[in-house]
Amino acid sequence: YTEDEGFVYLNSIMDLYSRKIIAWTLSKTLEVEEVLKCLETAKRRRKTVNPVVIQSDRGVHYTSQKYKELTKGMIRSYSRKGNPWDNACIESYHAVIKREWLNRFRIKNYYQAYQLVFEYLEGFYNTVRIHSHCEYLSPDSYEKKYILEQTN
């Protein structure tokens, strides 16, 4: 929440293997376009021939025709009504960024919110913050370890 502009909305896509946030957008509205922009960024960054499963909730963004077109060829998995467990990893990430970082600040506007999310995500979460799931490595380090293991 920003003091001057009200709510801002963080869209994030996480690679469940490494817990790395591979794409994110911050928007002033709940427009479908922001979710689609985030998804397009993730697809560009993670070129893969392997099947991809994309998990989301049942919000209007994720059931729109545009979303379905953009996720064609992917396995779309939706959370069951009233069951947040399917989204536990990304929900946990959103709680962590608030608890560990954003709640420390009085955020004035969208620009400051964007800067804070960028600093946390690109400068700490993906690069430094350790995860028990990743053998107590950061998401970036865990992915590098995997690549090294595959080449040896």
Protein backbone atom coordinates (compact mmCIF):
# COMPACT_ATOMS: atom_id res chain seq x y z
CA TYR A 1 0.00 0.00 0.00
CA THR A 2 1.36 3.45 -0.87
CA GLU A 3 0.47 6.62 1.00
CA ASP A 4 -0.08 8.75 -2.10
CA GLU A 5 -1.50 6.27 -4.62
CA GLY A 6 -3.17 3.46 -2.68
CA PHE A 7 -2.67 -0.20 -3.51
CA VAL A 8 -0.10 -1.61 -5.90
CA TYR A 9 -0.18 -5.23 -7.03
CA LEU A 10 2.76 -7.59 -7.36
CA ASN A 11 2.52 -10.34 -9.97
CA SER A 12 5.25 -12.97 -9.62
CA ILE A 13 6.18 -16.20 -11.36
CA MET A 14 8.37 -18.65 -9.45
CA ASP A 15 10.36 -21.59 -10.71
CA LEU A 16 9.48 -24.26 -8.16
CA TYR A 17 12.72 -26.16 -8.71
CA SER A 18 14.92 -23.32 -7.47
CA ARG A 19 12.34 -21.02 -5.86
CA LYS A 20 13.68 -18.27 -8.13
CA ILE A 21 11.32 -15.48 -9.11
CA ILE A 22 11.80 -15.55 -12.87
CA ALA A 23 9.40 -12.74 -13.72
CA TRP A 24 7.48 -10.04 -11.90
CA THR A 25 5.49 -6.91 -12.54
CA LEU A 26 4.19 -4.27 -10.21
CA SER A 27 1.01 -2.52 -11.28
CA LYS A 28 -1.39 0.11 -10.05
CA THR A 29 -4.42 -1.90 -11.16
CA LEU A 30 -5.59 -5.50 -11.30
CA GLU A 31 -5.63 -5.49 -15.09
CA VAL A 32 -5.16 -8.81 -16.90
CA GLU A 33 -2.51 -7.14 -19.08
CA GLU A 34 -0.06 -6.99 -16.17
CA VAL A 35 -0.38 -10.72 -15.50
CA LEU A 36 0.12 -11.40 -19.21
CA LYS A 37 3.19 -9.15 -19.32
CA CYS A 38 4.65 -11.08 -16.39
CA LEU A 39 3.95 -14.40 -18.09
CA GLU A 40 5.49 -13.22 -21.38
CA THR A 41 8.66 -12.20 -19.51
CA ALA A 42 8.83 -15.62 -17.83
CA LYS A 43 8.42 -17.40 -21.15
CA ARG A 44 11.21 -15.32 -22.71
CA ARG A 45 13.57 -15.98 -19.81
CA ARG A 46 12.87 -19.72 -19.53
CA LYS A 47 13.11 -21.16 -23.01
CA THR A 48 12.35 -24.85 -22.64
CA VAL A 49 11.24 -27.77 -24.74
CA ASN A 50 10.05 -29.65 -21.68
CA PRO A 51 6.41 -29.40 -20.62
CA VAL A 52 5.68 -26.56 -18.26
CA VAL A 53 3.06 -26.59 -15.54
CA ILE A 54 1.77 -23.19 -14.54
CA GLN A 55 -0.11 -23.01 -11.25
CA SER A 56 -2.44 -20.13 -10.47
CA ASP A 57 -5.52 -19.29 -8.52
CA ARG A 58 -8.96 -19.00 -10.07
CA GLY A 59 -8.95 -15.22 -10.46
CA VAL A 60 -10.36 -13.63 -13.58
CA HIS A 61 -6.80 -12.98 -14.82
CA TYR A 62 -6.04 -16.68 -15.02
CA THR A 63 -9.27 -17.76 -16.66
CA SER A 64 -9.32 -15.09 -19.37
CA GLN A 65 -9.09 -16.05 -23.04
CA LYS A 66 -5.85 -14.06 -23.43
CA TYR A 67 -4.24 -16.00 -20.57
CA LYS A 68 -5.37 -19.30 -22.08
CA GLU A 69 -3.86 -18.31 -25.44
CA LEU A 70 -0.57 -17.29 -23.83
CA THR A 71 -0.34 -20.54 -21.86
CA LYS A 72 -1.24 -22.79 -24.78
CA GLY A 73 0.99 -25.85 -24.67
CA MET A 74 1.48 -25.51 -20.92
CA ILE A 75 -0.36 -27.57 -18.36
CA ARG A 76 -2.64 -25.13 -16.53
CA SER A 77 -3.26 -26.08 -12.92
CA TYR A 78 -5.68 -24.11 -10.80
CA SER A 79 -6.03 -24.08 -7.03
CA ARG A 80 -9.17 -25.70 -5.77
CA LYS A 81 -11.71 -23.35 -4.21
CA GLY A 82 -10.81 -22.60 -0.60
CA ASN A 83 -7.53 -24.55 -0.83
CA PRO A 84 -4.45 -22.30 -0.90
CA TRP A 85 -1.99 -25.20 -0.55
CA ASP A 86 -1.42 -25.48 -4.29
CA ASN A 87 -0.04 -21.95 -4.27
CA ALA A 88 1.88 -22.32 -1.01
CA CYS A 89 5.32 -21.46 -2.42
CA ILE A 90 4.33 -18.25 -4.17
CA GLU A 91 2.01 -17.24 -1.32
CA SER A 92 4.92 -17.76 1.06
CA TYR A 93 7.17 -15.60 -1.14
CA HIS A 94 4.61 -12.77 -1.14
CA ALA A 95 4.37 -12.97 2.66
CA VAL A 96 8.18 -13.02 2.99
CA ILE A 97 8.77 -9.94 0.83
CA LYS A 98 6.25 -8.03 2.95
CA ARG A 99 7.54 -9.30 6.30
CA GLU A 100 11.28 -9.12 5.57
CA TRP A 101 11.36 -5.95 3.50
CA LEU A 102 8.33 -3.88 2.52
CA ASN A 103 6.84 -3.55 6.00
CA ARG A 104 10.01 -1.74 7.10
CA PHE A 105 9.13 1.30 5.00
CA ARG A 106 6.45 3.93 4.69
CA ILE A 107 5.99 3.64 0.96
CA LYS A 108 4.97 6.96 -0.58
CA ASN A 109 4.19 6.05 -4.19
CA TYR A 110 4.38 3.50 -6.99
CA TYR A 111 7.93 4.48 -7.95
CA GLN A 112 9.25 3.87 -4.43
CA ALA A 113 7.34 0.57 -4.21
CA TYR A 114 8.86 -0.53 -7.52
CA GLN A 115 12.37 0.38 -6.35
CA LEU A 116 11.91 -1.53 -3.09
CA VAL A 117 10.60 -4.66 -4.83
CA PHE A 118 13.44 -4.50 -7.35
CA GLU A 119 16.07 -4.11 -4.60
CA TYR A 120 14.72 -7.04 -2.59
CA LEU A 121 14.10 -9.37 -5.46
CA GLU A 122 17.07 -8.74 -7.71
CA GLY A 123 19.55 -7.77 -5.01
CA PHE A 124 18.68 -10.25 -2.27
CA TYR A 125 15.93 -12.85 -2.74
CA ASN A 126 17.21 -14.52 -5.93
CA THR A 127 20.90 -13.89 -5.31
CA VAL A 128 21.61 -14.07 -1.56
CA ARG A 129 18.65 -15.35 0.49
CA ILE A 130 19.05 -19.03 1.29
CA HIS A 131 16.25 -21.58 1.11
CA SER A 132 16.12 -24.91 2.90
CA HIS A 133 14.54 -26.39 -0.25
CA CYS A 134 17.67 -25.36 -2.18
CA GLU A 135 20.12 -27.07 0.17
CA TYR A 136 20.59 -23.73 1.95
CA LEU A 137 21.72 -21.98 -1.22
CA SER A 138 20.19 -18.97 -2.93
CA PRO A 139 17.98 -19.67 -5.95
CA ASP A 140 20.71 -18.42 -8.32
CA SER A 141 23.37 -20.56 -6.65
CA TYR A 142 21.11 -23.60 -6.68
CA GLU A 143 20.49 -23.25 -10.41
CA LYS A 144 24.22 -22.79 -11.07
CA LYS A 145 24.95 -25.93 -9.03
CA TYR A 146 22.42 -27.86 -11.13
CA ILE A 147 23.99 -26.66 -14.38
CA LEU A 148 27.47 -27.65 -13.14
CA GLU A 149 26.21 -31.10 -12.19
CA GLN A 150 24.67 -31.57 -15.63
CA THR A 151 27.91 -30.67 -17.43
CA ASN A 152 30.09 -33.00 -15.36
